Amino acid sequence: KNTISYAAAVNIDYSAGQYQLLTLSSGQAVTTTSFSNWPSTGDVGVVSLIVNVTSAGTPPTLTLPASVNSGITIVPGVSPGTVGVSNTIAFYNTGVYIFEFLVQALGVHTIRGQ
């Protein structure tokens, strides 16, 4: 498991391991999320992002890139392609949230899971 330090911009580096842990607390906002070092074109890679929300007084947020565009509608409040709605997830409750990202063939990022 790789631990990602909180910052306004975070990078999920596939080569650092398939399990990435990000801890967020009240008021923290990740405004830019990027992905790097996916497997070669034609291969499939999956990485799990585990978001541990330790306090949620002012809900912490995580903004996913526009390239995360398939399956994201399962996340409450997120609706890509809808005017005025972004790929920003607000965490209103403490707890552990797990997101899986998949890349295949042409480098398209997909979210799936919980």
Protein backbone atom coordinates (compact mmCIF):
# COMPACT_ATOMS: atom_id res chain seq x y z
CA LYS A 1 0.00 0.00 0.00
CA ASN A 2 1.32 3.43 -0.96
CA THR A 3 0.44 6.44 1.17
CA ILE A 4 -0.27 9.65 -0.72
CA SER A 5 0.33 12.84 1.26
CA TYR A 6 -2.49 15.38 1.22
CA ALA A 7 -2.00 18.29 -1.19
CA ALA A 8 -4.27 20.32 -3.44
CA ALA A 9 -2.84 18.29 -6.33
CA VAL A 10 -2.21 14.56 -5.90
CA ASN A 11 -0.81 11.97 -8.28
CA ILE A 12 -1.90 8.34 -8.27
CA ASP A 13 1.19 6.50 -9.49
CA TYR A 14 0.35 2.99 -10.69
CA SER A 15 4.00 1.93 -10.35
CA ALA A 16 3.86 2.72 -6.59
CA GLY A 17 1.40 -0.12 -6.05
CA GLN A 18 -2.17 -1.14 -6.73
CA TYR A 19 -3.38 0.18 -3.37
CA GLN A 20 -3.07 3.90 -2.68
CA LEU A 21 -4.14 5.51 0.61
CA LEU A 22 -5.15 9.17 0.90
CA THR A 23 -6.28 10.58 4.25
CA LEU A 24 -8.52 13.65 4.21
CA SER A 25 -9.95 15.72 7.04
CA SER A 26 -12.42 18.55 7.39
CA GLY A 27 -11.94 21.37 4.86
CA GLN A 28 -9.22 19.71 2.80
CA ALA A 29 -9.74 19.88 -0.96
CA VAL A 30 -7.89 17.89 -3.59
CA THR A 31 -8.61 20.05 -6.62
CA THR A 32 -6.40 18.19 -9.10
CA THR A 33 -5.94 14.43 -9.33
CA SER A 34 -3.67 12.91 -11.92
CA PHE A 35 -2.63 9.38 -12.85
CA SER A 36 0.78 8.21 -14.00
CA ASN A 37 2.78 5.15 -15.00
CA TRP A 38 -0.10 3.00 -16.21
CA PRO A 39 0.82 -0.28 -17.94
CA SER A 40 1.67 -0.28 -21.63
CA THR A 41 -1.02 0.26 -24.24
CA GLY A 42 -2.90 -2.97 -24.78
CA ASP A 43 -2.49 -4.06 -21.15
CA VAL A 44 -4.99 -3.59 -18.34
CA GLY A 45 -4.16 -1.94 -15.02
CA VAL A 46 -6.28 -1.45 -11.92
CA VAL A 47 -5.46 0.73 -8.93
CA SER A 48 -7.53 1.12 -5.77
CA LEU A 49 -7.67 4.52 -4.12
CA ILE A 50 -8.60 4.21 -0.46
CA VAL A 51 -9.80 7.54 0.94
CA ASN A 52 -9.80 7.66 4.72
CA VAL A 53 -11.94 10.58 5.90
CA THR A 54 -11.03 11.34 9.52
CA SER A 55 -13.27 14.38 10.05
CA ALA A 56 -15.97 15.89 7.90
CA GLY A 57 -17.19 19.09 9.61
CA THR A 58 -16.54 21.00 6.39
CA PRO A 59 -16.69 18.14 3.90
CA PRO A 60 -13.33 17.34 2.34
CA THR A 61 -13.43 17.00 -1.45
CA LEU A 62 -11.67 15.05 -4.17
CA THR A 63 -11.82 16.22 -7.79
CA LEU A 64 -11.21 13.55 -10.40
CA PRO A 65 -9.92 14.38 -13.89
CA ALA A 66 -12.30 14.58 -16.84
CA SER A 67 -10.70 11.38 -18.17
CA VAL A 68 -12.53 9.51 -15.40
CA ASN A 69 -15.75 9.27 -17.30
CA SER A 70 -17.21 5.79 -17.16
CA GLY A 71 -19.09 4.50 -14.15
CA ILE A 72 -18.65 7.73 -12.23
CA THR A 73 -22.40 8.36 -12.15
CA ILE A 74 -22.64 5.75 -9.37
CA VAL A 75 -21.05 8.30 -7.02
CA PRO A 76 -23.77 10.44 -5.41
CA GLY A 77 -23.72 14.07 -6.57
CA VAL A 78 -21.32 13.49 -9.46
CA SER A 79 -22.68 13.67 -12.99
CA PRO A 80 -20.08 14.28 -15.71
CA GLY A 81 -21.33 16.09 -18.75
CA THR A 82 -24.04 17.89 -16.79
CA VAL A 83 -23.72 21.67 -16.88
CA GLY A 84 -22.70 22.98 -13.45
CA VAL A 85 -21.72 19.56 -12.10
CA SER A 86 -18.11 18.46 -11.90
CA ASN A 87 -16.18 15.33 -11.07
CA THR A 88 -15.83 16.54 -7.48
CA ILE A 89 -16.76 14.14 -4.70
CA ALA A 90 -17.68 15.65 -1.31
CA PHE A 91 -17.33 13.40 1.74
CA TYR A 92 -20.05 14.30 4.24
CA ASN A 93 -19.28 11.46 6.64
CA THR A 94 -16.14 10.04 8.19
CA GLY A 95 -15.10 6.58 7.10
CA VAL A 96 -13.18 4.68 4.47
CA TYR A 97 -14.17 5.00 0.81
CA ILE A 98 -12.70 2.77 -1.88
CA PHE A 99 -12.53 3.67 -5.56
CA GLU A 100 -11.07 1.46 -8.26
CA PHE A 101 -9.64 2.94 -11.44
CA LEU A 102 -9.09 0.86 -14.54
CA VAL A 103 -7.11 1.65 -17.66
CA GLN A 104 -7.14 -0.48 -20.75
CA ALA A 105 -5.94 -0.35 -24.34
CA LEU A 106 -6.11 3.37 -25.21
CA GLY A 107 -5.43 4.87 -21.80
CA VAL A 108 -9.03 5.62 -20.88
CA HIS A 109 -9.54 5.96 -17.13
CA THR A 110 -12.63 4.35 -15.72
CA ILE A 111 -13.99 4.41 -12.20
CA ARG A 112 -15.77 1.44 -10.80
CA GLY A 113 -16.56 0.10 -7.39
CA GLN A 114 -17.94 1.62 -4.24
